[in-house]
C-alpha cells in the first residue's frame, strides 16, 4: 500500500460502488478497494475503500458529506456486518474531526445517521480483477443498476466536486 498523508477510508456498501464514487471526484488521487477492520474490532473486516486525496482540491468534510449521501447512512440493515457504515481515520485528530463532521451533517437527515468514525486498524486489498470495476465495466448490469444512480447523484448534488470529464465518459 502506498503511503500518503492525506487519506481517509469509507465503508457502507459494496466497494465497487464506493470506488466508482470516489474515482469520479476532483482531487482524489487514487482509491484502494478491499476490506477494513477498525481498531475496535480487528477481526471484523468489511468492504471499504481508502481514498487518497489532495486537500487543496477536495476537503475531508466534502468527502464525508458525499459518503453520507451515496450509501444508506441511516439504514441499519441485515448486511451491515459486510457493509459497515463507517468513516475510517488514520489518527486521533482526524477521528475527532470526522466525528464532528458527522454530527454537523446529521441535520441534513431526518433519520439518525448510523455512520460512525473509527480508527483504522487493518486493510486487506480485494482481488486485482475487481479494481477499477465501474470504469472497466460500465455496461455490466450491476454497474447500471447500483453504481450509475450514485454517479448521477454526484452530478446533480456535488457537481462542483466532480471530475466531469471522467464521469460523463462513463455514464
N, C-alpha and C. Protein backbone atom coordinates (compact mmCIF):
# COMPACT_ATOMS: atom_id res chain seq x y z
N UNK A 1 0.85 -1.18 0.00
CA UNK A 1 0.00 0.00 0.00
C UNK A 1 0.89 1.24 0.00
N UNK A 2 0.60 2.18 -0.86
CA UNK A 2 1.36 3.42 -0.93
C UNK A 2 1.10 4.25 0.33
N UNK A 3 2.11 4.93 0.80
CA UNK A 3 1.95 5.80 1.96
C UNK A 3 1.54 7.19 1.48
N UNK A 4 0.62 7.77 2.16
CA UNK A 4 0.14 9.10 1.79
C UNK A 4 -0.44 9.74 3.02
N UNK A 5 -0.09 10.96 3.25
CA UNK A 5 -0.55 11.64 4.45
C UNK A 5 -2.03 11.99 4.40
N UNK A 6 -2.54 12.32 3.25
CA UNK A 6 -3.93 12.75 3.13
C UNK A 6 -4.78 11.61 2.61
N UNK A 7 -5.27 10.82 3.56
CA UNK A 7 -6.13 9.70 3.20
C UNK A 7 -7.19 9.53 4.27
N UNK A 8 -8.29 8.96 3.84
CA UNK A 8 -9.41 8.63 4.71
C UNK A 8 -10.07 7.42 4.06
N UNK A 9 -10.78 6.63 4.85
CA UNK A 9 -11.39 5.42 4.29
C UNK A 9 -12.88 5.41 4.61
N UNK A 10 -13.63 4.71 3.76
CA UNK A 10 -15.08 4.67 3.89
C UNK A 10 -15.61 3.26 3.67
N UNK A 11 -16.62 2.91 4.45
CA UNK A 11 -17.36 1.68 4.27
C UNK A 11 -18.83 1.99 4.34
N UNK A 12 -19.63 1.20 3.66
CA UNK A 12 -21.06 1.45 3.73
C UNK A 12 -21.83 0.69 2.68
N UNK A 13 -21.16 0.23 1.70
CA UNK A 13 -21.79 -0.53 0.63
C UNK A 13 -20.71 -1.32 -0.08
N UNK A 14 -21.05 -1.84 -1.19
CA UNK A 14 -20.11 -2.60 -2.00
C UNK A 14 -18.91 -1.73 -2.36
N UNK A 15 -17.72 -2.30 -2.28
CA UNK A 15 -16.55 -1.48 -2.60
C UNK A 15 -16.50 -1.09 -4.07
N UNK A 16 -17.21 -1.78 -4.94
CA UNK A 16 -17.28 -1.34 -6.33
C UNK A 16 -17.98 0.01 -6.42
N UNK A 17 -19.06 0.16 -5.66
CA UNK A 17 -19.81 1.42 -5.65
C UNK A 17 -18.97 2.54 -5.03
N UNK A 18 -18.39 2.26 -3.88
CA UNK A 18 -17.58 3.26 -3.18
C UNK A 18 -16.41 3.71 -4.07
N UNK A 19 -15.74 2.75 -4.68
CA UNK A 19 -14.61 3.07 -5.54
C UNK A 19 -15.03 3.99 -6.68
N UNK A 20 -16.11 3.67 -7.37
CA UNK A 20 -16.57 4.49 -8.50
C UNK A 20 -16.91 5.91 -8.08
N UNK A 21 -17.58 6.05 -6.94
CA UNK A 21 -17.94 7.38 -6.44
C UNK A 21 -16.68 8.21 -6.25
N UNK A 22 -15.71 7.68 -5.53
CA UNK A 22 -14.53 8.47 -5.20
C UNK A 22 -13.59 8.64 -6.38
N UNK A 23 -13.54 7.68 -7.30
CA UNK A 23 -12.73 7.85 -8.51
C UNK A 23 -13.27 8.98 -9.38
N UNK A 24 -14.51 9.35 -9.20
CA UNK A 24 -15.18 10.34 -10.04
C UNK A 24 -15.03 11.76 -9.53
N UNK A 25 -14.26 11.96 -8.49
CA UNK A 25 -14.13 13.28 -7.87
C UNK A 25 -12.80 13.95 -8.18
N UNK A 26 -12.86 15.27 -8.31
CA UNK A 26 -11.63 16.06 -8.43
C UNK A 26 -10.86 15.95 -7.13
N UNK A 27 -9.57 15.93 -7.22
CA UNK A 27 -8.74 15.93 -6.03
C UNK A 27 -8.48 14.56 -5.44
N UNK A 28 -9.17 13.54 -5.93
CA UNK A 28 -8.89 12.18 -5.47
C UNK A 28 -7.78 11.62 -6.35
N UNK A 29 -6.69 11.23 -5.70
CA UNK A 29 -5.52 10.75 -6.44
C UNK A 29 -5.64 9.27 -6.80
N UNK A 30 -6.03 8.44 -5.85
CA UNK A 30 -6.30 7.04 -6.12
C UNK A 30 -7.16 6.47 -5.01
N UNK A 31 -7.78 5.34 -5.34
CA UNK A 31 -8.70 4.67 -4.42
C UNK A 31 -8.28 3.21 -4.33
N UNK A 32 -8.13 2.73 -3.11
CA UNK A 32 -7.82 1.32 -2.88
C UNK A 32 -9.08 0.64 -2.36
N UNK A 33 -9.47 -0.45 -2.98
CA UNK A 33 -10.66 -1.18 -2.51
C UNK A 33 -10.26 -2.48 -1.86
N UNK A 34 -11.05 -2.85 -0.86
CA UNK A 34 -10.79 -4.10 -0.15
C UNK A 34 -11.63 -4.20 1.10
N UNK A 35 -10.99 -4.66 2.16
CA UNK A 35 -11.68 -4.91 3.42
C UNK A 35 -10.91 -4.23 4.55
N UNK A 36 -11.65 -3.53 5.42
CA UNK A 36 -11.02 -2.79 6.51
C UNK A 36 -11.62 -3.26 7.83
N UNK A 37 -10.74 -3.33 8.82
CA UNK A 37 -11.17 -3.60 10.19
C UNK A 37 -10.80 -2.38 11.03
N UNK A 38 -11.74 -1.92 11.85
CA UNK A 38 -11.43 -0.80 12.75
C UNK A 38 -10.63 -1.28 13.95
N UNK A 39 -10.07 -0.35 14.69
CA UNK A 39 -9.26 -0.73 15.86
C UNK A 39 -10.10 -1.39 16.94
N UNK A 40 -11.40 -1.17 16.95
CA UNK A 40 -12.26 -1.74 17.99
C UNK A 40 -12.67 -3.18 17.69
N UNK A 41 -12.48 -3.62 16.46
CA UNK A 41 -12.89 -4.98 16.08
C UNK A 41 -11.93 -5.52 15.03
N UNK A 42 -10.71 -5.77 15.40
CA UNK A 42 -9.67 -6.08 14.43
C UNK A 42 -9.96 -7.31 13.57
N UNK A 43 -10.76 -8.24 14.04
CA UNK A 43 -11.06 -9.41 13.24
C UNK A 43 -12.27 -9.25 12.35
N UNK A 44 -12.97 -8.14 12.49
CA UNK A 44 -14.21 -7.95 11.75
C UNK A 44 -14.00 -7.01 10.56
N UNK A 45 -13.60 -7.58 9.46
CA UNK A 45 -13.37 -6.81 8.24
C UNK A 45 -14.70 -6.62 7.50
N UNK A 46 -14.84 -5.47 6.86
CA UNK A 46 -15.99 -5.23 5.98
C UNK A 46 -15.51 -4.49 4.75
N UNK A 47 -16.32 -4.53 3.70
CA UNK A 47 -15.94 -3.90 2.43
C UNK A 47 -15.77 -2.40 2.61
N UNK A 48 -14.72 -1.86 2.01
CA UNK A 48 -14.42 -0.44 2.17
C UNK A 48 -13.40 0.00 1.13
N UNK A 49 -13.16 1.30 1.10
CA UNK A 49 -12.13 1.87 0.24
C UNK A 49 -11.28 2.86 1.04
N UNK A 50 -10.02 2.96 0.65
CA UNK A 50 -9.14 4.00 1.18
C UNK A 50 -9.00 5.04 0.08
N UNK A 51 -9.30 6.29 0.41
CA UNK A 51 -9.28 7.38 -0.56
C UNK A 51 -8.07 8.27 -0.27
N UNK A 52 -7.19 8.38 -1.24
CA UNK A 52 -6.02 9.25 -1.15
C UNK A 52 -6.37 10.52 -1.93
N UNK A 53 -6.24 11.66 -1.28
CA UNK A 53 -6.75 12.88 -1.89
C UNK A 53 -5.83 14.08 -1.64
N UNK A 54 -6.07 15.12 -2.42
CA UNK A 54 -5.35 16.38 -2.29
C UNK A 54 -6.28 17.37 -1.59
N UNK A 55 -5.99 17.74 -0.33
CA UNK A 55 -6.89 18.63 0.40
C UNK A 55 -6.99 20.04 -0.19
N UNK A 56 -6.10 20.40 -1.08
CA UNK A 56 -6.21 21.70 -1.76
C UNK A 56 -7.33 21.66 -2.80
N UNK A 57 -7.74 20.46 -3.22
CA UNK A 57 -8.77 20.31 -4.24
C UNK A 57 -10.10 19.80 -3.69
N UNK A 58 -10.05 19.02 -2.62
CA UNK A 58 -11.27 18.48 -2.03
C UNK A 58 -11.02 18.28 -0.53
N UNK A 59 -11.99 18.67 0.27
CA UNK A 59 -11.80 18.61 1.72
C UNK A 59 -12.29 17.29 2.29
N UNK A 60 -11.80 16.98 3.47
CA UNK A 60 -12.28 15.82 4.21
C UNK A 60 -13.78 15.96 4.47
N UNK A 61 -14.22 17.15 4.78
CA UNK A 61 -15.64 17.41 5.01
C UNK A 61 -16.47 17.05 3.78
N UNK A 62 -16.02 17.46 2.60
CA UNK A 62 -16.76 17.14 1.37
C UNK A 62 -16.76 15.64 1.11
N UNK A 63 -15.64 14.98 1.35
CA UNK A 63 -15.57 13.53 1.14
C UNK A 63 -16.57 12.81 2.05
N UNK A 64 -16.66 13.24 3.30
CA UNK A 64 -17.60 12.62 4.24
C UNK A 64 -19.04 12.93 3.83
N UNK A 65 -19.32 14.17 3.44
CA UNK A 65 -20.67 14.53 3.02
C UNK A 65 -21.11 13.66 1.84
N UNK A 66 -20.23 13.49 0.88
CA UNK A 66 -20.55 12.65 -0.28
C UNK A 66 -20.82 11.22 0.17
N UNK A 67 -20.01 10.73 1.07
CA UNK A 67 -20.21 9.37 1.58
C UNK A 67 -21.60 9.20 2.19
N UNK A 68 -22.00 10.15 3.00
CA UNK A 68 -23.30 10.06 3.67
C UNK A 68 -24.47 10.04 2.69
N UNK A 69 -24.30 10.70 1.55
CA UNK A 69 -25.39 10.81 0.58
C UNK A 69 -25.35 9.73 -0.50
N UNK A 70 -24.29 8.93 -0.55
CA UNK A 70 -24.19 7.93 -1.62
C UNK A 70 -24.26 6.50 -1.11
N UNK A 71 -24.65 6.32 0.13
CA UNK A 71 -24.97 4.98 0.63
C UNK A 71 -26.06 5.13 1.69
N UNK A 72 -26.57 4.04 2.17
CA UNK A 72 -27.68 4.07 3.14
C UNK A 72 -27.12 4.35 4.54
N UNK A 73 -26.81 5.59 4.78
CA UNK A 73 -26.15 6.00 6.03
C UNK A 73 -27.09 6.07 7.23
N UNK A 74 -28.38 5.86 7.01
CA UNK A 74 -29.34 5.86 8.12
C UNK A 74 -30.03 4.51 8.26
N UNK A 75 -29.61 3.53 7.49
CA UNK A 75 -30.29 2.23 7.46
C UNK A 75 -29.42 1.15 8.08
N UNK A 76 -29.89 0.57 9.17
CA UNK A 76 -29.16 -0.49 9.84
C UNK A 76 -29.70 -1.84 9.37
N UNK A 77 -29.45 -2.19 8.12
CA UNK A 77 -30.00 -3.40 7.50
C UNK A 77 -29.22 -4.66 7.87
N UNK A 78 -29.70 -5.79 7.44
CA UNK A 78 -29.15 -7.09 7.83
C UNK A 78 -27.75 -7.36 7.28
N UNK A 79 -27.29 -6.60 6.31
CA UNK A 79 -25.96 -6.83 5.70
C UNK A 79 -24.89 -5.90 6.27
N UNK A 80 -25.18 -5.23 7.38
CA UNK A 80 -24.23 -4.26 7.94
C UNK A 80 -22.91 -4.87 8.38
N UNK A 81 -22.85 -6.15 8.70
CA UNK A 81 -21.56 -6.73 9.08
C UNK A 81 -20.63 -6.78 7.87
N UNK A 82 -21.18 -6.99 6.70
CA UNK A 82 -20.37 -6.98 5.47
C UNK A 82 -20.15 -5.56 4.95
N UNK A 83 -21.15 -4.70 5.21
CA UNK A 83 -21.12 -3.32 4.70
C UNK A 83 -21.26 -2.33 5.85
N UNK A 84 -20.30 -2.32 6.76
CA UNK A 84 -20.32 -1.41 7.91
C UNK A 84 -20.36 0.04 7.42
N UNK A 85 -21.27 0.84 7.95
CA UNK A 85 -21.36 2.25 7.59
C UNK A 85 -20.34 3.01 8.42
N UNK A 86 -19.23 3.39 7.79
CA UNK A 86 -18.11 3.89 8.57
C UNK A 86 -17.25 4.90 7.83
N UNK A 87 -16.61 5.73 8.64
CA UNK A 87 -15.51 6.58 8.20
C UNK A 87 -14.31 6.07 9.00
N UNK A 88 -13.29 5.62 8.31
CA UNK A 88 -12.09 5.12 8.98
C UNK A 88 -11.01 6.19 8.90
N UNK A 89 -10.42 6.49 10.03
CA UNK A 89 -9.44 7.57 10.09
C UNK A 89 -8.08 7.02 10.48
N UNK A 90 -7.06 7.82 10.23
CA UNK A 90 -5.69 7.36 10.39
C UNK A 90 -4.94 8.07 11.52
N UNK A 91 -5.66 8.86 12.32
CA UNK A 91 -5.08 9.48 13.51
C UNK A 91 -6.20 9.87 14.46
N UNK A 92 -5.85 10.09 15.70
CA UNK A 92 -6.85 10.54 16.69
C UNK A 92 -7.45 11.88 16.28
N UNK A 93 -6.59 12.78 15.79
CA UNK A 93 -7.07 14.10 15.37
C UNK A 93 -8.06 14.00 14.22
N UNK A 94 -7.72 13.19 13.22
CA UNK A 94 -8.63 13.01 12.08
C UNK A 94 -9.93 12.35 12.55
N UNK A 95 -9.85 11.44 13.51
CA UNK A 95 -11.04 10.78 14.03
C UNK A 95 -11.97 11.77 14.72
N UNK A 96 -11.40 12.67 15.50
CA UNK A 96 -12.21 13.70 16.16
C UNK A 96 -12.86 14.62 15.13
N UNK A 97 -12.09 15.00 14.11
CA UNK A 97 -12.65 15.84 13.05
C UNK A 97 -13.80 15.13 12.34
N UNK A 98 -13.59 13.87 12.03
CA UNK A 98 -14.64 13.10 11.34
C UNK A 98 -15.90 12.99 12.20
N UNK A 99 -15.73 12.75 13.48
CA UNK A 99 -16.89 12.69 14.39
C UNK A 99 -17.64 14.01 14.42
N UNK A 100 -16.92 15.12 14.46
CA UNK A 100 -17.56 16.44 14.43
C UNK A 100 -18.29 16.68 13.12
N UNK A 101 -17.69 16.26 12.02
CA UNK A 101 -18.32 16.43 10.70
C UNK A 101 -19.60 15.59 10.62
N UNK A 102 -19.55 14.36 11.12
CA UNK A 102 -20.75 13.52 11.12
C UNK A 102 -21.87 14.16 11.92
N UNK A 103 -21.55 14.70 13.09
CA UNK A 103 -22.56 15.37 13.91
C UNK A 103 -23.13 16.59 13.18
N UNK A 104 -22.28 17.33 12.49
CA UNK A 104 -22.72 18.50 11.76
C UNK A 104 -23.71 18.12 10.64
N UNK A 105 -23.42 17.05 9.92
CA UNK A 105 -24.28 16.64 8.81
C UNK A 105 -25.55 15.93 9.24
N UNK A 106 -25.65 15.57 10.51
CA UNK A 106 -26.87 14.91 10.99
C UNK A 106 -28.11 15.75 10.66
N UNK A 107 -27.97 17.08 10.70
CA UNK A 107 -29.12 17.95 10.43
C UNK A 107 -29.64 17.83 9.00
N UNK A 108 -28.86 17.25 8.09
CA UNK A 108 -29.30 17.06 6.70
C UNK A 108 -30.20 15.83 6.54
N UNK A 109 -30.33 15.05 7.60
CA UNK A 109 -31.07 13.79 7.52
C UNK A 109 -32.20 13.76 8.53
N UNK A 110 -33.35 13.26 8.11
CA UNK A 110 -34.49 13.13 9.02
C UNK A 110 -34.25 12.01 10.02
N UNK A 111 -33.66 10.91 9.57
CA UNK A 111 -33.38 9.78 10.44
C UNK A 111 -31.96 9.90 11.00
N UNK A 112 -31.72 9.19 12.09
CA UNK A 112 -30.41 9.22 12.73
C UNK A 112 -29.37 8.52 11.86
N UNK A 113 -28.22 9.17 11.68
CA UNK A 113 -27.10 8.55 10.96
C UNK A 113 -26.58 7.38 11.79
N UNK A 114 -26.31 6.28 11.11
CA UNK A 114 -25.67 5.15 11.80
C UNK A 114 -24.18 5.12 11.50
N UNK A 115 -23.73 5.95 10.60
CA UNK A 115 -22.31 6.01 10.22
C UNK A 115 -21.49 6.46 11.41
N UNK A 116 -20.43 5.73 11.69
CA UNK A 116 -19.55 6.03 12.83
C UNK A 116 -18.13 6.26 12.33
N UNK A 117 -17.38 7.04 13.10
CA UNK A 117 -15.95 7.24 12.82
C UNK A 117 -15.17 6.24 13.66
N UNK A 118 -14.29 5.50 13.01
CA UNK A 118 -13.44 4.51 13.66
C UNK A 118 -11.98 4.78 13.31
N UNK A 119 -11.10 4.45 14.20
CA UNK A 119 -9.69 4.45 13.86
C UNK A 119 -9.40 3.22 13.01
N UNK A 120 -8.67 3.41 11.95
CA UNK A 120 -8.26 2.34 11.04
C UNK A 120 -7.34 1.38 11.78
N UNK A 121 -7.51 0.08 11.52
CA UNK A 121 -6.62 -0.91 12.10
C UNK A 121 -5.89 -1.73 11.04
N UNK A 122 -6.64 -2.29 10.09
CA UNK A 122 -6.02 -3.20 9.12
C UNK A 122 -6.77 -3.15 7.79
N UNK A 123 -6.05 -3.48 6.73
CA UNK A 123 -6.60 -3.47 5.38
C UNK A 123 -6.16 -4.72 4.64
N UNK A 124 -7.11 -5.33 3.94
CA UNK A 124 -6.82 -6.44 3.03
C UNK A 124 -7.34 -6.03 1.66
N UNK A 125 -6.47 -5.87 0.68
CA UNK A 125 -6.95 -5.45 -0.65
C UNK A 125 -7.82 -6.53 -1.30
N UNK A 126 -8.73 -6.08 -2.14
CA UNK A 126 -9.54 -7.01 -2.92
C UNK A 126 -8.69 -7.58 -4.06
N UNK A 127 -9.25 -8.56 -4.74
CA UNK A 127 -8.54 -9.17 -5.86
C UNK A 127 -8.37 -8.13 -6.98
N UNK A 128 -7.24 -8.17 -7.64
CA UNK A 128 -6.90 -7.20 -8.69
C UNK A 128 -7.96 -7.15 -9.78
N UNK A 129 -8.58 -8.26 -10.10
CA UNK A 129 -9.58 -8.28 -11.17
C UNK A 129 -10.80 -7.41 -10.87
N UNK A 130 -11.00 -7.05 -9.59
CA UNK A 130 -12.13 -6.21 -9.22
C UNK A 130 -11.78 -4.73 -9.16
N UNK A 131 -10.51 -4.38 -9.26
CA UNK A 131 -10.10 -2.98 -9.17
C UNK A 131 -10.60 -2.21 -10.39
N UNK A 132 -10.95 -0.94 -10.16
CA UNK A 132 -11.45 -0.08 -11.22
C UNK A 132 -12.68 -0.70 -11.89
N UNK A 133 -13.52 -1.30 -11.09
CA UNK A 133 -14.62 -2.12 -11.60
C UNK A 133 -15.57 -1.34 -12.50
N UNK A 134 -16.09 -0.23 -12.03
CA UNK A 134 -17.06 0.52 -12.84
C UNK A 134 -16.45 1.02 -14.13
N UNK A 135 -15.30 1.67 -14.04
CA UNK A 135 -14.72 2.28 -15.24
C UNK A 135 -14.18 1.24 -16.22
N UNK A 136 -14.03 -0.01 -15.79
CA UNK A 136 -13.66 -1.10 -16.69
C UNK A 136 -14.88 -1.84 -17.23
N UNK A 137 -16.03 -1.70 -16.56
CA UNK A 137 -17.23 -2.49 -16.90
C UNK A 137 -18.51 -1.67 -16.84
N UNK A 138 -18.58 -0.47 -17.39
CA UNK A 138 -19.77 0.37 -17.18
C UNK A 138 -21.07 -0.22 -17.72
N UNK A 139 -20.99 -1.15 -18.63
CA UNK A 139 -22.20 -1.73 -19.22
C UNK A 139 -22.74 -2.93 -18.46
N UNK A 140 -22.01 -3.41 -17.45
CA UNK A 140 -22.48 -4.56 -16.67
C UNK A 140 -23.77 -4.19 -15.95
N UNK A 141 -24.69 -5.15 -15.82
CA UNK A 141 -25.97 -4.86 -15.14
C UNK A 141 -25.78 -4.30 -13.72
N UNK A 142 -24.82 -4.81 -12.95
CA UNK A 142 -24.59 -4.29 -11.60
C UNK A 142 -24.25 -2.80 -11.66
N UNK A 143 -23.40 -2.42 -12.59
CA UNK A 143 -23.00 -1.02 -12.73
C UNK A 143 -24.19 -0.14 -13.09
N UNK A 144 -24.99 -0.61 -14.03
CA UNK A 144 -26.16 0.16 -14.44
C UNK A 144 -27.16 0.32 -13.29
N UNK A 145 -27.38 -0.75 -12.55
CA UNK A 145 -28.42 -0.75 -11.51
C UNK A 145 -27.99 -0.05 -10.23
N UNK A 146 -26.75 -0.28 -9.79
CA UNK A 146 -26.35 0.19 -8.47
C UNK A 146 -25.38 1.37 -8.48
N UNK A 147 -24.46 1.39 -9.43
CA UNK A 147 -23.43 2.44 -9.42
C UNK A 147 -23.89 3.69 -10.14
N UNK A 148 -24.49 3.56 -11.31
CA UNK A 148 -24.89 4.75 -12.06
C UNK A 148 -25.82 5.69 -11.29
N UNK A 149 -26.78 5.20 -10.52
CA UNK A 149 -27.60 6.14 -9.74
C UNK A 149 -26.77 6.97 -8.76
N UNK A 150 -25.75 6.39 -8.19
CA UNK A 150 -24.88 7.13 -7.27
C UNK A 150 -24.08 8.20 -8.03
N UNK A 151 -23.64 7.85 -9.23
CA UNK A 151 -22.87 8.80 -10.03
C UNK A 151 -23.76 9.93 -10.54
N UNK A 152 -24.99 9.62 -10.87
CA UNK A 152 -25.93 10.68 -11.27
C UNK A 152 -26.21 11.62 -10.10
N UNK A 153 -26.32 11.07 -8.90
CA UNK A 153 -26.50 11.90 -7.71
C UNK A 153 -25.28 12.83 -7.53
N UNK A 154 -24.09 12.31 -7.77
CA UNK A 154 -22.89 13.16 -7.71
C UNK A 154 -23.01 14.34 -8.65
N UNK A 155 -23.39 14.06 -9.90
CA UNK A 155 -23.52 15.13 -10.89
C UNK A 155 -24.59 16.14 -10.49
N UNK A 156 -25.64 15.68 -9.90
CA UNK A 156 -26.74 16.57 -9.52
C UNK A 156 -26.41 17.37 -8.26
N UNK A 157 -25.93 16.72 -7.22
CA UNK A 157 -25.77 17.37 -5.92
C UNK A 157 -24.37 17.93 -5.66
N UNK A 158 -23.36 17.31 -6.24
CA UNK A 158 -21.96 17.68 -5.93
C UNK A 158 -21.17 18.03 -7.20
N UNK A 159 -21.85 18.62 -8.16
CA UNK A 159 -21.25 18.91 -9.47
C UNK A 159 -19.91 19.63 -9.38
N UNK A 160 -19.79 20.56 -8.44
CA UNK A 160 -18.55 21.34 -8.32
C UNK A 160 -17.35 20.48 -7.95
N UNK A 161 -17.59 19.29 -7.40
CA UNK A 161 -16.52 18.41 -6.95
C UNK A 161 -16.25 17.25 -7.91
N UNK A 162 -17.05 17.15 -8.93
CA UNK A 162 -16.97 16.02 -9.86
C UNK A 162 -15.93 16.27 -10.94
N UNK A 163 -15.19 15.23 -11.26
CA UNK A 163 -14.30 15.25 -12.41
C UNK A 163 -15.21 14.89 -13.60
N UNK A 164 -15.85 15.91 -14.17
CA UNK A 164 -16.88 15.68 -15.19
C UNK A 164 -16.36 14.97 -16.43
N UNK A 165 -15.13 15.25 -16.79
CA UNK A 165 -14.56 14.60 -17.96
C UNK A 165 -14.53 13.08 -17.78
N UNK A 166 -14.11 12.67 -16.61
CA UNK A 166 -14.06 11.23 -16.33
C UNK A 166 -15.45 10.65 -16.14
N UNK A 167 -16.27 11.32 -15.36
CA UNK A 167 -17.58 10.78 -15.02
C UNK A 167 -18.50 10.69 -16.22
N UNK A 168 -18.59 11.74 -17.01
CA UNK A 168 -19.53 11.72 -18.13
C UNK A 168 -19.08 10.75 -19.23
N UNK A 169 -17.81 10.39 -19.24
CA UNK A 169 -17.35 9.38 -20.19
C UNK A 169 -17.91 8.01 -19.82
N UNK A 170 -18.18 7.81 -18.51
CA UNK A 170 -18.67 6.53 -18.03
C UNK A 170 -20.17 6.37 -18.11
N UNK A 171 -20.93 7.46 -17.84
CA UNK A 171 -22.40 7.29 -17.83
C UNK A 171 -23.06 7.97 -19.02
